N, C-alpha and C. Protein backbone atom coordinates (compact mmCIF):
# COMPACT_ATOMS: atom_id res chain seq x y z
N MET A 1 1.52 79.38 63.66
CA MET A 1 1.29 80.27 62.51
C MET A 1 0.16 79.51 61.43
N LEU A 2 0.18 78.21 61.62
CA LEU A 2 -1.05 77.64 60.89
C LEU A 2 -2.27 77.62 61.14
N LEU A 3 -2.84 78.22 62.55
CA LEU A 3 -3.92 78.57 62.89
C LEU A 3 -3.95 80.26 62.30
N LEU A 4 -3.05 80.53 62.56
CA LEU A 4 -3.21 82.29 61.65
C LEU A 4 -3.70 81.95 60.14
N SER A 5 -2.85 81.02 59.33
CA SER A 5 -3.06 81.07 58.05
C SER A 5 -4.76 80.34 57.84
N SER A 6 -5.25 79.59 58.65
CA SER A 6 -6.56 79.12 58.37
C SER A 6 -7.78 80.09 58.71
N ILE A 7 -7.42 81.01 59.91
CA ILE A 7 -8.26 81.89 60.03
C ILE A 7 -8.24 82.97 58.43
N LEU A 8 -7.15 83.07 58.22
CA LEU A 8 -6.89 84.35 57.26
C LEU A 8 -7.66 83.45 55.93
N LEU A 9 -7.63 82.24 55.53
CA LEU A 9 -7.96 81.85 54.51
C LEU A 9 -9.69 81.59 54.57
N ASN A 10 -9.98 81.46 56.03
CA ASN A 10 -11.27 81.41 56.00
C ASN A 10 -12.19 82.93 55.48
N VAL A 11 -11.50 83.72 56.06
CA VAL A 11 -11.51 85.25 56.04
C VAL A 11 -11.83 85.64 54.51
N LEU A 12 -10.93 84.92 54.01
CA LEU A 12 -10.85 85.46 52.29
C LEU A 12 -11.86 84.68 51.71
N SER A 13 -12.03 83.23 52.12
CA SER A 13 -12.83 82.41 51.16
C SER A 13 -14.51 83.15 51.38
N ASP A 14 -14.85 83.82 52.32
CA ASP A 14 -16.03 84.54 52.33
C ASP A 14 -16.22 85.39 51.54
N GLN A 15 -15.15 86.07 51.32
CA GLN A 15 -15.01 87.09 50.26
C GLN A 15 -15.21 86.59 48.40
N ALA A 16 -15.21 85.36 48.49
CA ALA A 16 -15.13 84.61 47.42
C ALA A 16 -16.48 85.03 46.44
N SER A 17 -17.47 85.35 46.87
CA SER A 17 -18.57 85.55 45.99
C SER A 17 -18.68 86.94 45.24
N VAL A 18 -17.61 87.87 45.57
CA VAL A 18 -17.59 89.10 44.64
C VAL A 18 -17.76 88.77 43.17
N PRO A 19 -18.58 89.11 42.21
CA PRO A 19 -18.22 88.99 40.94
C PRO A 19 -17.17 89.38 40.28
N ARG A 20 -17.04 88.86 38.88
CA ARG A 20 -15.44 89.33 38.22
C ARG A 20 -15.85 88.97 37.13
N THR A 21 -15.23 90.52 36.21
CA THR A 21 -15.65 90.44 34.63
C THR A 21 -14.18 90.14 34.34
N TYR A 22 -14.47 89.29 33.11
CA TYR A 22 -13.11 88.93 31.95
C TYR A 22 -12.93 90.20 31.34
N MET A 23 -11.32 90.65 30.89
CA MET A 23 -11.84 91.77 29.68
C MET A 23 -10.40 91.17 28.83
N GLU A 24 -10.78 91.47 27.82
CA GLU A 24 -9.56 90.99 26.67
C GLU A 24 -9.11 92.65 25.78
N LEU A 25 -7.82 93.08 26.58
CA LEU A 25 -7.03 94.00 25.53
C LEU A 25 -6.17 93.58 24.82
N LYS A 26 -6.29 94.03 23.55
CA LYS A 26 -5.23 94.28 22.44
C LYS A 26 -4.03 95.20 22.66
N LEU A 27 -2.96 94.75 22.69
CA LEU A 27 -1.91 95.35 23.03
C LEU A 27 -1.18 96.08 21.61
N ASP A 28 -0.50 96.64 21.80
CA ASP A 28 -0.08 97.30 20.21
C ASP A 28 0.84 96.50 19.38
N ASP A 29 1.25 95.56 19.78
CA ASP A 29 1.38 94.16 19.02
C ASP A 29 0.68 93.05 18.25
N GLY A 30 -0.80 93.46 19.00
CA GLY A 30 -1.60 92.55 18.74
C GLY A 30 -2.02 91.61 19.24
N VAL A 31 -1.09 91.25 20.42
CA VAL A 31 -1.17 90.07 21.19
C VAL A 31 -2.78 90.37 22.35
N SER A 32 -3.35 89.28 22.65
CA SER A 32 -4.52 89.60 23.33
C SER A 32 -4.08 89.38 24.91
N SER A 33 -4.39 90.23 25.93
CA SER A 33 -4.37 90.35 27.48
C SER A 33 -5.14 90.32 28.03
N SER A 34 -5.55 89.01 28.75
CA SER A 34 -6.63 89.05 29.77
C SER A 34 -6.68 89.50 31.08
N VAL A 35 -7.12 90.23 31.39
CA VAL A 35 -7.76 90.65 32.40
C VAL A 35 -8.88 90.64 33.24
N ALA A 36 -8.72 90.22 34.70
CA ALA A 36 -10.16 89.83 35.65
C ALA A 36 -10.21 91.33 36.63
N VAL A 37 -11.45 91.56 36.39
CA VAL A 37 -11.81 92.76 36.87
C VAL A 37 -12.93 92.74 38.07
N TYR A 38 -12.63 93.14 39.57
CA TYR A 38 -13.39 92.57 40.51
C TYR A 38 -13.82 93.86 41.20
N VAL A 39 -15.22 93.75 41.05
CA VAL A 39 -16.02 94.90 41.68
C VAL A 39 -17.09 94.44 42.78
N ALA A 40 -17.44 94.61 43.74
CA ALA A 40 -18.42 94.19 44.86
C ALA A 40 -19.55 95.69 44.72
N GLY A 41 -20.48 94.91 45.30
CA GLY A 41 -22.07 96.09 45.16
C GLY A 41 -21.13 97.57 45.89
N GLY A 42 -21.96 98.36 45.29
CA GLY A 42 -21.70 99.93 46.05
C GLY A 42 -20.68 100.43 44.88
N LYS A 43 -20.15 101.67 45.25
CA LYS A 43 -19.17 102.50 44.37
C LYS A 43 -17.73 102.22 45.06
N PRO A 44 -16.69 101.60 44.11
CA PRO A 44 -15.83 101.58 44.63
C PRO A 44 -14.66 102.79 44.97
N THR A 45 -14.38 102.92 46.27
CA THR A 45 -13.51 103.77 46.47
C THR A 45 -12.08 104.39 46.30
N ARG A 46 -11.39 103.26 46.02
CA ARG A 46 -10.48 103.14 45.53
C ARG A 46 -9.67 102.09 44.73
N ALA A 47 -8.45 101.87 44.34
CA ALA A 47 -8.41 100.76 43.27
C ALA A 47 -6.79 100.07 43.31
N ALA A 48 -6.91 98.76 43.00
CA ALA A 48 -5.46 98.03 43.25
C ALA A 48 -5.37 97.30 41.97
N LEU A 49 -3.87 96.97 41.74
CA LEU A 49 -3.51 96.43 40.69
C LEU A 49 -2.92 95.13 41.22
N LEU A 50 -3.20 94.10 41.00
CA LEU A 50 -2.43 92.55 41.56
C LEU A 50 -1.79 92.15 40.59
N LEU A 51 -0.64 91.62 40.74
CA LEU A 51 0.39 91.18 39.53
C LEU A 51 0.55 89.89 40.09
N HIS A 52 0.42 88.76 39.36
CA HIS A 52 1.02 87.45 39.51
C HIS A 52 2.61 87.33 39.40
N GLY A 53 3.15 86.50 40.27
CA GLY A 53 4.57 86.15 40.39
C GLY A 53 4.84 84.95 38.78
N PHE A 54 6.00 84.77 38.72
CA PHE A 54 6.55 84.33 37.46
C PHE A 54 5.86 82.76 37.45
N SER A 55 5.67 82.56 36.37
CA SER A 55 4.76 81.15 35.96
C SER A 55 3.41 80.80 36.66
N GLY A 56 2.81 82.20 37.21
CA GLY A 56 1.35 81.89 37.61
C GLY A 56 0.37 82.63 36.57
N SER A 57 -0.75 82.78 37.38
CA SER A 57 -1.43 83.52 36.60
C SER A 57 -2.37 84.43 37.35
N LYS A 58 -3.33 84.87 36.67
CA LYS A 58 -4.33 85.95 37.39
C LYS A 58 -5.34 85.13 38.17
N GLU A 59 -5.88 83.92 38.11
CA GLU A 59 -6.40 83.29 38.58
C GLU A 59 -5.73 82.93 40.20
N ASN A 60 -4.38 82.88 40.58
CA ASN A 60 -4.04 83.12 41.77
C ASN A 60 -4.27 83.99 42.57
N LEU A 61 -4.54 84.82 42.09
CA LEU A 61 -4.85 85.83 43.12
C LEU A 61 -6.50 86.09 43.40
N ALA A 62 -7.37 85.58 42.74
CA ALA A 62 -8.85 85.42 43.06
C ALA A 62 -9.30 85.60 44.43
N LEU A 63 -8.57 84.92 45.38
CA LEU A 63 -9.17 85.01 46.76
C LEU A 63 -8.86 86.73 47.34
N VAL A 64 -7.44 87.14 47.21
CA VAL A 64 -7.07 88.49 47.69
C VAL A 64 -7.70 89.32 46.57
N ALA A 65 -8.13 89.45 45.81
CA ALA A 65 -8.74 90.18 44.71
C ALA A 65 -10.13 90.37 45.13
N SER A 66 -10.71 89.05 45.57
CA SER A 66 -12.17 89.44 45.91
C SER A 66 -12.20 89.77 47.29
N SER A 67 -11.50 89.54 48.13
CA SER A 67 -10.99 90.36 49.61
C SER A 67 -11.15 91.73 49.26
N LEU A 68 -9.91 92.19 48.66
CA LEU A 68 -10.28 93.60 48.69
C LEU A 68 -11.22 94.43 47.87
N ALA A 69 -11.97 93.58 47.19
CA ALA A 69 -13.08 94.11 46.22
C ALA A 69 -14.34 94.09 47.22
N GLY A 70 -14.64 93.22 48.57
CA GLY A 70 -15.22 93.33 49.14
C GLY A 70 -15.02 94.49 50.50
N ALA A 71 -13.77 94.82 50.20
CA ALA A 71 -13.32 95.82 51.11
C ALA A 71 -13.51 97.52 50.41
N GLY A 72 -14.07 97.48 49.36
CA GLY A 72 -14.66 98.62 48.87
C GLY A 72 -13.28 99.15 47.53
N TYR A 73 -12.64 98.11 47.07
CA TYR A 73 -11.59 98.53 46.06
C TYR A 73 -12.31 97.93 44.49
N VAL A 74 -11.84 98.42 43.67
CA VAL A 74 -12.19 97.84 42.14
C VAL A 74 -10.37 97.28 42.25
N VAL A 75 -10.64 96.07 41.46
CA VAL A 75 -9.44 95.33 41.79
C VAL A 75 -9.22 94.63 40.39
N PHE A 76 -7.76 95.05 39.72
CA PHE A 76 -7.48 94.48 38.31
C PHE A 76 -6.10 93.59 38.48
N THR A 77 -6.73 92.55 38.06
CA THR A 77 -5.69 91.33 37.88
C THR A 77 -5.22 91.29 36.33
N PRO A 78 -4.43 91.24 35.62
CA PRO A 78 -4.08 90.85 34.31
C PRO A 78 -2.98 89.40 34.46
N ASP A 79 -3.10 88.63 33.21
CA ASP A 79 -2.34 87.79 32.94
C ASP A 79 -1.05 88.42 32.15
N TRP A 80 0.18 88.08 32.62
CA TRP A 80 1.45 88.60 32.04
C TRP A 80 1.53 87.99 30.65
N ARG A 81 2.28 88.46 29.83
CA ARG A 81 2.50 88.06 28.72
C ARG A 81 3.31 86.81 28.48
N GLY A 82 2.25 85.71 27.70
CA GLY A 82 2.75 84.22 28.11
C GLY A 82 2.21 83.76 29.09
N HIS A 83 1.40 84.02 29.87
CA HIS A 83 0.83 83.59 31.03
C HIS A 83 -0.49 83.52 31.09
N GLY A 84 -1.23 82.44 31.52
CA GLY A 84 -2.58 82.48 31.96
C GLY A 84 -2.96 82.04 30.35
N GLU A 85 -4.10 83.27 30.20
CA GLU A 85 -5.09 83.56 28.94
C GLU A 85 -4.50 84.70 28.16
N THR A 86 -3.23 85.00 28.51
CA THR A 86 -2.70 86.09 27.45
C THR A 86 -1.63 85.39 26.79
N GLY A 87 -1.72 85.97 25.37
CA GLY A 87 -1.07 85.30 24.41
C GLY A 87 0.17 85.87 24.48
N GLY A 88 1.15 85.38 23.44
CA GLY A 88 2.51 85.88 23.19
C GLY A 88 3.25 84.87 24.17
N ARG A 89 4.76 85.29 24.27
CA ARG A 89 5.50 84.82 24.63
C ARG A 89 6.38 85.39 26.11
N CYS A 90 6.55 84.71 26.94
CA CYS A 90 7.31 85.37 28.09
C CYS A 90 8.54 86.12 27.68
N PRO A 91 8.86 87.13 27.82
CA PRO A 91 9.95 87.83 27.23
C PRO A 91 11.21 87.13 27.79
N VAL A 92 11.07 86.60 28.78
CA VAL A 92 12.30 86.03 29.95
C VAL A 92 12.21 84.83 30.08
N GLN A 93 13.29 83.87 29.57
CA GLN A 93 13.23 82.56 29.82
C GLN A 93 14.16 82.17 30.74
N LEU A 94 13.66 81.23 31.69
CA LEU A 94 14.66 80.68 32.76
C LEU A 94 15.61 79.51 32.10
N LYS A 95 17.07 79.48 32.37
CA LYS A 95 17.82 78.68 31.91
C LYS A 95 18.37 77.47 33.13
N LEU A 96 17.77 76.74 33.32
CA LEU A 96 18.30 75.95 34.44
C LEU A 96 19.25 75.00 34.34
């Protein structure tokens, strides 16, 4: 399993050179939402939306997004409200 993970990370890291563009979208309530867009050279033929987990950010998805972009996808990775570079507060609060 460790060998497979190493090979996969090696393949994904080869795609890390795909350029990304950052966009700020204004939500209806005025909060700014940060989105990274990955597009490799050539014309993308497909699109993918990658969503991070709770307490994560769009940057956690950079290797996967770059790999998909290298395979011909345009990839969008937004930060959820209150995460990463998106403003506002997370609507769900964990009580431990």
